[in-house]
Amino acid sequence: MADKKYFVLMKGGKDTGQVFASRQPRGAALKAATRGATDIRLRERGTKRVHVFTGWTEMVDKPANGPAWLPDKVKKANVKKVGIEHL
C-alpha cells in the first residue's frame, strides 16, 4: 500500500505555508481548489517536481442520499492537470 505524499502550495514561485497530504497530486489539488485556489502549483516534497493544475468550484445540488442538515446547494471542486515542471 502506497504512503501519503506531501504537496506544498506555491504562489509566485515561492512556497506557502499550506501543505496538502494525499497519495496522488490530484487529491491535493482538489483540496487546494476547495479552498479557492485557481492557479494551483504543488511542489512534491522530496522530489524536484511541481505539478501544475487549474482549479475551479461549482455549486451543485446536494446528493440524493445527503443528510437533512446539508444545504440544497453544495460546493464541488474540479481540477485539470496542465503539466509537470522540474526545478
PDB file of N, CA and C in Angstrom:
ATOM      1  N   MET A   1       0.836  -1.172   0.000  1.00  0.00           N
ATOM      2  CA  MET A   1       0.000   0.000   0.000  1.00  0.00           C
ATOM      3  C   MET A   1       0.886   1.242   0.000  1.00  0.00           C
ATOM      4  N   ALA A   2       0.562   2.183  -0.881  1.00  0.00           N
ATOM      5  CA  ALA A   2       1.387   3.381  -1.002  1.00  0.00           C
ATOM      6  C   ALA A   2       1.151   4.337   0.164  1.00  0.00           C
ATOM      7  N   ASP A   3       2.199   5.042   0.531  1.00  0.00           N
ATOM      8  CA  ASP A   3       2.090   6.026   1.603  1.00  0.00           C
ATOM      9  C   ASP A   3       1.625   7.361   1.042  1.00  0.00           C
ATOM     10  N   LYS A   4       1.188   8.224   1.951  1.00  0.00           N
ATOM     11  CA  LYS A   4       0.782   9.554   1.540  1.00  0.00           C
ATOM     12  C   LYS A   4       2.006  10.379   1.173  1.00  0.00           C
ATOM     13  N   LYS A   5       1.809  11.283   0.230  1.00  0.00           N
ATOM     14  CA  LYS A   5       2.852  12.226  -0.155  1.00  0.00           C
ATOM     15  C   LYS A   5       2.398  13.598   0.305  1.00  0.00           C
ATOM     16  N   TYR A   6       3.363  14.485   0.428  1.00  0.00           N
ATOM     17  CA  TYR A   6       3.058  15.841   0.879  1.00  0.00           C
ATOM     18  C   TYR A   6       3.348  16.812  -0.249  1.00  0.00           C
ATOM     19  N   PHE A   7       2.400  17.709  -0.507  1.00  0.00           N
ATOM     20  CA  PHE A   7       2.492  18.678  -1.578  1.00  0.00           C
ATOM     21  C   PHE A   7       2.372  20.078  -0.991  1.00  0.00           C
ATOM     22  N   VAL A   8       3.328  20.941  -1.327  1.00  0.00           N
ATOM     23  CA  VAL A   8       3.363  22.309  -0.816  1.00  0.00           C
ATOM     24  C   VAL A   8       2.813  23.231  -1.891  1.00  0.00           C
ATOM     25  N   LEU A   9       1.833  24.058  -1.547  1.00  0.00           N
ATOM     26  CA  LEU A   9       1.254  25.015  -2.477  1.00  0.00           C
ATOM     27  C   LEU A   9       2.247  26.143  -2.720  1.00  0.00           C
ATOM     28  N   MET A  10       2.466  26.491  -4.005  1.00  0.00           N
ATOM     29  CA  MET A  10       3.394  27.559  -4.366  1.00  0.00           C
ATOM     30  C   MET A  10       2.621  28.734  -4.949  1.00  0.00           C
ATOM     31  N   LYS A  11       3.057  29.940  -4.596  1.00  0.00           N
ATOM     32  CA  LYS A  11       2.495  31.173  -5.170  1.00  0.00           C
ATOM     33  C   LYS A  11       3.647  32.078  -5.529  1.00  0.00           C
ATOM     34  N   GLY A  12       3.693  32.543  -6.768  1.00  0.00           N
ATOM     35  CA  GLY A  12       4.750  33.444  -7.204  1.00  0.00           C
ATOM     36  C   GLY A  12       6.127  32.794  -7.179  1.00  0.00           C
ATOM     37  N   GLY A  13       6.196  31.497  -7.383  1.00  0.00           N
ATOM     38  CA  GLY A  13       7.471  30.803  -7.383  1.00  0.00           C
ATOM     39  C   GLY A  13       8.025  30.497  -6.005  1.00  0.00           C
ATOM     40  N   LYS A  14       7.303  30.861  -4.962  1.00  0.00           N
ATOM     41  CA  LYS A  14       7.747  30.622  -3.580  1.00  0.00           C
ATOM     42  C   LYS A  14       6.771  29.687  -2.879  1.00  0.00           C
ATOM     43  N   ASP A  15       7.274  28.903  -1.940  1.00  0.00           N
ATOM     44  CA  ASP A  15       6.422  28.026  -1.146  1.00  0.00           C
ATOM     45  C   ASP A  15       5.551  28.846  -0.194  1.00  0.00           C
ATOM     46  N   THR A  16       4.336  28.380   0.019  1.00  0.00           N
ATOM     47  CA  THR A  16       3.468  28.978   1.029  1.00  0.00           C
ATOM     48  C   THR A  16       3.465  28.040   2.238  1.00  0.00           C
ATOM     49  N   GLY A  17       2.714  28.379   3.232  1.00  0.00           N
ATOM     50  CA  GLY A  17       2.637  27.549   4.428  1.00  0.00           C
ATOM     51  C   GLY A  17       1.628  26.426   4.319  1.00  0.00           C
ATOM     52  N   GLN A  18       0.903  26.348   3.193  1.00  0.00           N
ATOM     53  CA  GLN A  18      -0.130  25.328   3.053  1.00  0.00           C
ATOM     54  C   GLN A  18       0.469  24.038   2.497  1.00  0.00           C
ATOM     55  N   VAL A  19       0.276  22.948   3.227  1.00  0.00           N
ATOM     56  CA  VAL A  19       0.759  21.634   2.815  1.00  0.00           C
ATOM     57  C   VAL A  19      -0.440  20.702   2.772  1.00  0.00           C
ATOM     58  N   PHE A  20      -0.589  19.984   1.663  1.00  0.00           N
ATOM     59  CA  PHE A  20      -1.694  19.051   1.486  1.00  0.00           C
ATOM     60  C   PHE A  20      -1.137  17.639   1.411  1.00  0.00           C
ATOM     61  N   ALA A  21      -1.749  16.705   2.121  1.00  0.00           N
ATOM     62  CA  ALA A  21      -1.327  15.305   2.112  1.00  0.00           C
ATOM     63  C   ALA A  21      -2.312  14.494   1.286  1.00  0.00           C
ATOM     64  N   SER A  22      -1.767  13.710   0.358  1.00  0.00           N
ATOM     65  CA  SER A  22      -2.584  12.857  -0.480  1.00  0.00           C
ATOM     66  C   SER A  22      -1.681  11.831  -1.150  1.00  0.00           C
ATOM     67  N   ARG A  23      -2.256  10.753  -1.618  1.00  0.00           N
ATOM     68  CA  ARG A  23      -1.451   9.759  -2.329  1.00  0.00           C
ATOM     69  C   ARG A  23      -1.130  10.221  -3.741  1.00  0.00           C
ATOM     70  N   GLN A  24      -2.050  10.966  -4.351  1.00  0.00           N
ATOM     71  CA  GLN A  24      -1.881  11.436  -5.720  1.00  0.00           C
ATOM     72  C   GLN A  24      -1.896  12.962  -5.732  1.00  0.00           C
ATOM     73  N   PRO A  25      -1.220  13.585  -6.693  1.00  0.00           N
ATOM     74  CA  PRO A  25      -1.230  15.046  -6.758  1.00  0.00           C
ATOM     75  C   PRO A  25      -2.631  15.626  -7.008  1.00  0.00           C
ATOM     76  N   ARG A  26      -3.480  14.871  -7.714  1.00  0.00           N
ATOM     77  CA  ARG A  26      -4.831  15.365  -7.994  1.00  0.00           C
ATOM     78  C   ARG A  26      -5.636  15.545  -6.711  1.00  0.00           C
ATOM     79  N   GLY A  27      -5.470  14.638  -5.757  1.00  0.00           N
ATOM     80  CA  GLY A  27      -6.170  14.754  -4.484  1.00  0.00           C
ATOM     81  C   GLY A  27      -5.776  16.016  -3.737  1.00  0.00           C
ATOM     82  N   ALA A  28      -4.485  16.334  -3.762  1.00  0.00           N
ATOM     83  CA  ALA A  28      -4.019  17.554  -3.119  1.00  0.00           C
ATOM     84  C   ALA A  28      -4.533  18.780  -3.866  1.00  0.00           C
ATOM     85  N   ALA A  29      -4.604  18.704  -5.189  1.00  0.00           N
ATOM     86  CA  ALA A  29      -5.102  19.826  -5.986  1.00  0.00           C
ATOM     87  C   ALA A  29      -6.585  20.065  -5.716  1.00  0.00           C
ATOM     88  N   LEU A  30      -7.353  19.007  -5.528  1.00  0.00           N
ATOM     89  CA  LEU A  30      -8.771  19.162  -5.202  1.00  0.00           C
ATOM     90  C   LEU A  30      -8.948  19.857  -3.854  1.00  0.00           C
ATOM     91  N   LYS A  31      -8.090  19.523  -2.898  1.00  0.00           N
ATOM     92  CA  LYS A  31      -8.149  20.184  -1.597  1.00  0.00           C
ATOM     93  C   LYS A  31      -7.838  21.671  -1.732  1.00  0.00           C
ATOM     94  N   ALA A  32      -6.842  22.010  -2.562  1.00  0.00           N
ATOM     95  CA  ALA A  32      -6.490  23.414  -2.769  1.00  0.00           C
ATOM     96  C   ALA A  32      -7.616  24.149  -3.491  1.00  0.00           C
ATOM     97  N   ALA A  33      -8.254  23.504  -4.467  1.00  0.00           N
ATOM     98  CA  ALA A  33      -9.354  24.130  -5.201  1.00  0.00           C
ATOM     99  C   ALA A  33     -10.545  24.371  -4.288  1.00  0.00           C
ATOM    100  N   THR A  34     -10.785  23.464  -3.350  1.00  0.00           N
ATOM    101  CA  THR A  34     -11.874  23.640  -2.398  1.00  0.00           C
ATOM    102  C   THR A  34     -11.661  24.903  -1.571  1.00  0.00           C
ATOM    103  N   ARG A  35     -10.407  25.221  -1.296  1.00  0.00           N
ATOM    104  CA  ARG A  35     -10.087  26.426  -0.522  1.00  0.00           C
ATOM    105  C   ARG A  35     -10.040  27.682  -1.376  1.00  0.00           C
ATOM    106  N   GLY A  36     -10.344  27.588  -2.674  1.00  0.00           N
ATOM    107  CA  GLY A  36     -10.470  28.764  -3.512  1.00  0.00           C
ATOM    108  C   GLY A  36      -9.315  29.032  -4.447  1.00  0.00           C
ATOM    109  N   ALA A  37      -8.310  28.187  -4.500  1.00  0.00           N
ATOM    110  CA  ALA A  37      -7.171  28.398  -5.401  1.00  0.00           C
ATOM    111  C   ALA A  37      -7.589  28.069  -6.831  1.00  0.00           C
ATOM    112  N   THR A  38      -7.150  28.881  -7.800  1.00  0.00           N
ATOM    113  CA  THR A  38      -7.468  28.633  -9.209  1.00  0.00           C
ATOM    114  C   THR A  38      -6.220  28.256  -9.998  1.00  0.00           C
ATOM    115  N   ASP A  39      -5.111  28.947  -9.781  1.00  0.00           N
ATOM    116  CA  ASP A  39      -3.838  28.603 -10.419  1.00  0.00           C
ATOM    117  C   ASP A  39      -3.045  27.806  -9.383  1.00  0.00           C
ATOM    118  N   ILE A  40      -3.078  26.485  -9.495  1.00  0.00           N
ATOM    119  CA  ILE A  40      -2.536  25.618  -8.458  1.00  0.00           C
ATOM    120  C   ILE A  40      -1.197  25.048  -8.910  1.00  0.00           C
ATOM    121  N   ARG A  41      -0.169  25.327  -8.126  1.00  0.00           N
ATOM    122  CA  ARG A  41       1.167  24.782  -8.366  1.00  0.00           C
ATOM    123  C   ARG A  41       1.586  24.076  -7.087  1.00  0.00           C
ATOM    124  N   LEU A  42       1.740  22.757  -7.161  1.00  0.00           N
ATOM    125  CA  LEU A  42       2.055  21.946  -5.989  1.00  0.00           C
ATOM    126  C   LEU A  42       3.442  21.341  -6.138  1.00  0.00           C
ATOM    127  N   ARG A  43       4.332  21.679  -5.193  1.00  0.00           N
ATOM    128  CA  ARG A  43       5.671  21.089  -5.182  1.00  0.00           C
ATOM    129  C   ARG A  43       5.615  19.826  -4.346  1.00  0.00           C
ATOM    130  N   GLU A  44       6.054  18.738  -4.950  1.00  0.00           N
ATOM    131  CA  GLU A  44       6.061  17.460  -4.238  1.00  0.00           C
ATOM    132  C   GLU A  44       7.307  17.398  -3.372  1.00  0.00           C
ATOM    133  N   ARG A  45       7.106  17.192  -2.077  1.00  0.00           N
ATOM    134  CA  ARG A  45       8.247  17.139  -1.156  1.00  0.00           C
ATOM    135  C   ARG A  45       9.121  15.933  -1.467  1.00  0.00           C
ATOM    136  N   GLY A  46      10.442  16.139  -1.417  1.00  0.00           N
ATOM    137  CA  GLY A  46      11.384  15.062  -1.647  1.00  0.00           C
ATOM    138  C   GLY A  46      11.741  14.839  -3.096  1.00  0.00           C
ATOM    139  N   THR A  47      11.123  15.598  -4.005  1.00  0.00           N
ATOM    140  CA  THR A  47      11.435  15.495  -5.429  1.00  0.00           C
ATOM    141  C   THR A  47      11.641  16.898  -5.985  1.00  0.00           C
ATOM    142  N   LYS A  48      11.971  16.988  -7.249  1.00  0.00           N
ATOM    143  CA  LYS A  48      12.128  18.282  -7.913  1.00  0.00           C
ATOM    144  C   LYS A  48      10.979  18.531  -8.887  1.00  0.00           C
ATOM    145  N   ARG A  49       9.809  17.979  -8.577  1.00  0.00           N
ATOM    146  CA  ARG A  49       8.644  18.116  -9.449  1.00  0.00           C
ATOM    147  C   ARG A  49       7.653  19.135  -8.902  1.00  0.00           C
ATOM    148  N   VAL A  50       7.082  19.914  -9.819  1.00  0.00           N
ATOM    149  CA  VAL A  50       5.996  20.836  -9.489  1.00  0.00           C
ATOM    150  C   VAL A  50       4.818  20.457 -10.385  1.00  0.00           C
ATOM    151  N   HIS A  51       3.714  20.043  -9.781  1.00  0.00           N
ATOM    152  CA  HIS A  51       2.512  19.663 -10.513  1.00  0.00           C
ATOM    153  C   HIS A  51       1.656  20.911 -10.694  1.00  0.00           C
ATOM    154  N   VAL A  52       1.267  21.190 -11.948  1.00  0.00           N
ATOM    155  CA  VAL A  52       0.525  22.406 -12.277  1.00  0.00           C
ATOM    156  C   VAL A  52      -0.905  22.030 -12.658  1.00  0.00           C
ATOM    157  N   PHE A  53      -1.871  22.661 -11.994  1.00  0.00           N
ATOM    158  CA  PHE A  53      -3.288  22.422 -12.231  1.00  0.00           C
ATOM    159  C   PHE A  53      -4.014  23.753 -12.385  1.00  0.00           C
ATOM    160  N   THR A  54      -5.175  23.707 -13.041  1.00  0.00           N
ATOM    161  CA  THR A  54      -6.134  24.806 -12.974  1.00  0.00           C
ATOM    162  C   THR A  54      -7.316  24.268 -12.181  1.00  0.00           C
ATOM    163  N   GLY A  55      -7.875  25.082 -11.317  1.00  0.00           N
ATOM    164  CA  GLY A  55      -8.961  24.620 -10.461  1.00  0.00           C
ATOM    165  C   GLY A  55     -10.122  25.593 -10.455  1.00  0.00           C
ATOM    166  N   TRP A  56     -11.300  25.067 -10.180  1.00  0.00           N
ATOM    167  CA  TRP A  56     -12.494  25.889 -10.053  1.00  0.00           C
ATOM    168  C   TRP A  56     -13.497  25.154  -9.172  1.00  0.00           C
ATOM    169  N   THR A  57     -14.474  25.904  -8.673  1.00  0.00           N
ATOM    170  CA  THR A  57     -15.537  25.304  -7.864  1.00  0.00           C
ATOM    171  C   THR A  57     -16.882  25.617  -8.492  1.00  0.00           C
ATOM    172  N   GLU A  58     -17.826  24.724  -8.287  1.00  0.00           N
ATOM    173  CA  GLU A  58     -19.188  24.907  -8.783  1.00  0.00           C
ATOM    174  C   GLU A  58     -20.163  24.631  -7.643  1.00  0.00           C
ATOM    175  N   MET A  59     -21.299  25.275  -7.693  1.00  0.00           N
ATOM    176  CA  MET A  59     -22.372  24.982  -6.751  1.00  0.00           C
ATOM    177  C   MET A  59     -23.295  23.960  -7.417  1.00  0.00           C
ATOM    178  N   VAL A  60     -23.432  22.794  -6.799  1.00  0.00           N
ATOM    179  CA  VAL A  60     -24.251  21.716  -7.350  1.00  0.00           C
ATOM    180  C   VAL A  60     -25.310  21.317  -6.324  1.00  0.00           C
ATOM    181  N   ASP A  61     -26.320  20.582  -6.789  1.00  0.00           N
ATOM    182  CA  ASP A  61     -27.357  20.087  -5.892  1.00  0.00           C
ATOM    183  C   ASP A  61     -26.756  19.066  -4.936  1.00  0.00           C
ATOM    184  N   LYS A  62     -27.316  19.012  -3.737  1.00  0.00           N
ATOM    185  CA  LYS A  62     -26.806  18.038  -2.762  1.00  0.00           C
ATOM    186  C   LYS A  62     -27.129  16.630  -3.259  1.00  0.00           C
ATOM    187  N   PRO A  63     -26.347  15.638  -2.837  1.00  0.00           N
ATOM    188  CA  PRO A  63     -26.610  14.259  -3.262  1.00  0.00           C
ATOM    189  C   PRO A  63     -27.965  13.767  -2.757  1.00  0.00           C
ATOM    190  N   ALA A  64     -28.518  12.800  -3.458  1.00  0.00           N
ATOM    191  CA  ALA A  64     -29.832  12.261  -3.085  1.00  0.00           C
ATOM    192  C   ALA A  64     -29.793  11.621  -1.702  1.00  0.00           C
ATOM    193  N   ASN A  65     -28.656  11.053  -1.324  1.00  0.00           N
ATOM    194  CA  ASN A  65     -28.556  10.408  -0.020  1.00  0.00           C
ATOM    195  C   ASN A  65     -27.911  11.321   1.022  1.00  0.00           C
ATOM    196  N   GLY A  66     -27.875  12.632   0.753  1.00  0.00           N
ATOM    197  CA  GLY A  66     -27.266  13.575   1.690  1.00  0.00           C
ATOM    198  C   GLY A  66     -28.090  13.745   2.953  1.00  0.00           C
ATOM    199  N   PRO A  67     -27.443  14.077   4.080  1.00  0.00           N
ATOM    200  CA  PRO A  67     -28.182  14.258   5.331  1.00  0.00           C
ATOM    201  C   PRO A  67     -29.073  15.503   5.285  1.00  0.00           C
ATOM    202  N   ALA A  68     -30.033  15.554   6.175  1.00  0.00           N
ATOM    203  CA  ALA A  68     -31.020  16.636   6.186  1.00  0.00           C
ATOM    204  C   ALA A  68     -30.383  17.991   6.485  1.00  0.00           C
ATOM    205  N   TRP A  69     -29.291  18.008   7.277  1.00  0.00           N
ATOM    206  CA  TRP A  69     -28.679  19.283   7.651  1.00  0.00           C
ATOM    207  C   TRP A  69     -27.853  19.890   6.519  1.00  0.00           C
ATOM    208  N   LEU A  70     -27.564  19.122   5.467  1.00  0.00           N
ATOM    209  CA  LEU A  70     -26.782  19.610   4.336  1.00  0.00           C
ATOM    210  C   LEU A  70     -27.630  20.578   3.511  1.00  0.00           C
ATOM    211  N   PRO A  71     -27.087  21.753   3.132  1.00  0.00           N
ATOM    212  CA  PRO A  71     -27.881  22.691   2.329  1.00  0.00           C
ATOM    213  C   PRO A  71     -28.218  22.111   0.952  1.00  0.00           C
ATOM    214  N   ASP A  72     -29.203  22.741   0.270  1.00  0.00           N
ATOM    215  CA  ASP A  72     -29.646  22.251  -1.039  1.00  0.00           C
ATOM    216  C   ASP A  72     -28.549  22.357  -2.099  1.00  0.00           C
ATOM    217  N   LYS A  73     -27.685  23.349  -1.982  1.00  0.00           N
ATOM    218  CA  LYS A  73     -26.566  23.521  -2.911  1.00  0.00           C
ATOM    219  C   LYS A  73     -25.257  23.374  -2.139  1.00  0.00           C
ATOM    220  N   VAL A  74     -24.312  22.599  -2.702  1.00  0.00           N
ATOM    221  CA  VAL A  74     -23.012  22.398  -2.063  1.00  0.00           C
ATOM    222  C   VAL A  74     -21.907  22.755  -3.054  1.00  0.00           C
ATOM    223  N   LYS A  75     -20.737  23.088  -2.519  1.00  0.00           N
ATOM    224  CA  LYS A  75     -19.596  23.463  -3.339  1.00  0.00           C
ATOM    225  C   LYS A  75     -18.838  22.211  -3.758  1.00  0.00           C
ATOM    226  N   LYS A  76     -18.555  22.103  -5.067  1.00  0.00           N
ATOM    227  CA  LYS A  76     -17.814  20.957  -5.591  1.00  0.00           C
ATOM    228  C   LYS A  76     -16.578  21.469  -6.326  1.00  0.00           C
ATOM    229  N   ALA A  77     -15.416  20.924  -5.986  1.00  0.00           N
ATOM    230  CA  ALA A  77     -14.161  21.343  -6.599  1.00  0.00           C
ATOM    231  C   ALA A  77     -13.854  20.484  -7.822  1.00  0.00           C
ATOM    232  N   ASN A  78     -13.228  21.112  -8.833  1.00  0.00           N
ATOM    233  CA  ASN A  78     -12.780  20.417 -10.030  1.00  0.00           C
ATOM    234  C   ASN A  78     -11.385  20.909 -10.368  1.00  0.00           C
ATOM    235  N   VAL A  79     -10.555  20.033 -10.925  1.00  0.00           N
ATOM    236  CA  VAL A  79      -9.212  20.420 -11.357  1.00  0.00           C
ATOM    237  C   VAL A  79      -8.892  19.780 -12.694  1.00  0.00           C
ATOM    238  N   LYS A  80      -8.008  20.427 -13.434  1.00  0.00           N
ATOM    239  CA  LYS A  80      -7.499  19.891 -14.692  1.00  0.00           C
ATOM    240  C   LYS A  80      -5.995  20.037 -14.680  1.00  0.00           C
ATOM    241  N   LYS A  81      -5.296  18.959 -14.931  1.00  0.00           N
ATOM    242  CA  LYS A  81      -3.830  18.988 -14.886  1.00  0.00           C
ATOM    243  C   LYS A  81      -3.298  19.642 -16.157  1.00  0.00           C
ATOM    244  N   VAL A  82      -2.407  20.617 -15.968  1.00  0.00           N
ATOM    245  CA  VAL A  82      -1.779  21.317 -17.083  1.00  0.00           C
ATOM    246  C   VAL A  82      -0.463  20.648 -17.439  1.00  0.00           C
ATOM    247  N   GLY A  83       0.287  20.206 -16.428  1.00  0.00           N
ATOM    248  CA  GLY A  83       1.551  19.537 -16.688  1.00  0.00           C
ATOM    249  C   GLY A  83       2.416  19.457 -15.445  1.00  0.00           C
ATOM    250  N   ILE A  84       3.667  19.041 -15.675  1.00  0.00           N
ATOM    251  CA  ILE A  84       4.644  18.927 -14.602  1.00  0.00           C
ATOM    252  C   ILE A  84       5.863  19.751 -14.988  1.00  0.00           C
ATOM    253  N   GLU A  85       6.366  20.521 -14.039  1.00  0.00           N
ATOM    254  CA  GLU A  85       7.607  21.283 -14.240  1.00  0.00           C
ATOM    255  C   GLU A  85       8.671  20.687 -13.330  1.00  0.00           C
ATOM    256  N   HIS A  86       9.917  20.795 -13.747  1.00  0.00           N
ATOM    257  CA  HIS A  86      11.031  20.282 -12.943  1.00  0.00           C
ATOM    258  C   HIS A  86      11.880  21.452 -12.490  1.00  0.00           C
ATOM    259  N   LEU A  87      12.218  21.470 -11.210  1.00  0.00           N
ATOM    260  CA  LEU A  87      13.057  22.536 -10.649  1.00  0.00           C
ATOM    261  C   LEU A  87      14.514  22.273 -10.950  1.00  0.00           C
TER     262      LEU A  87
END
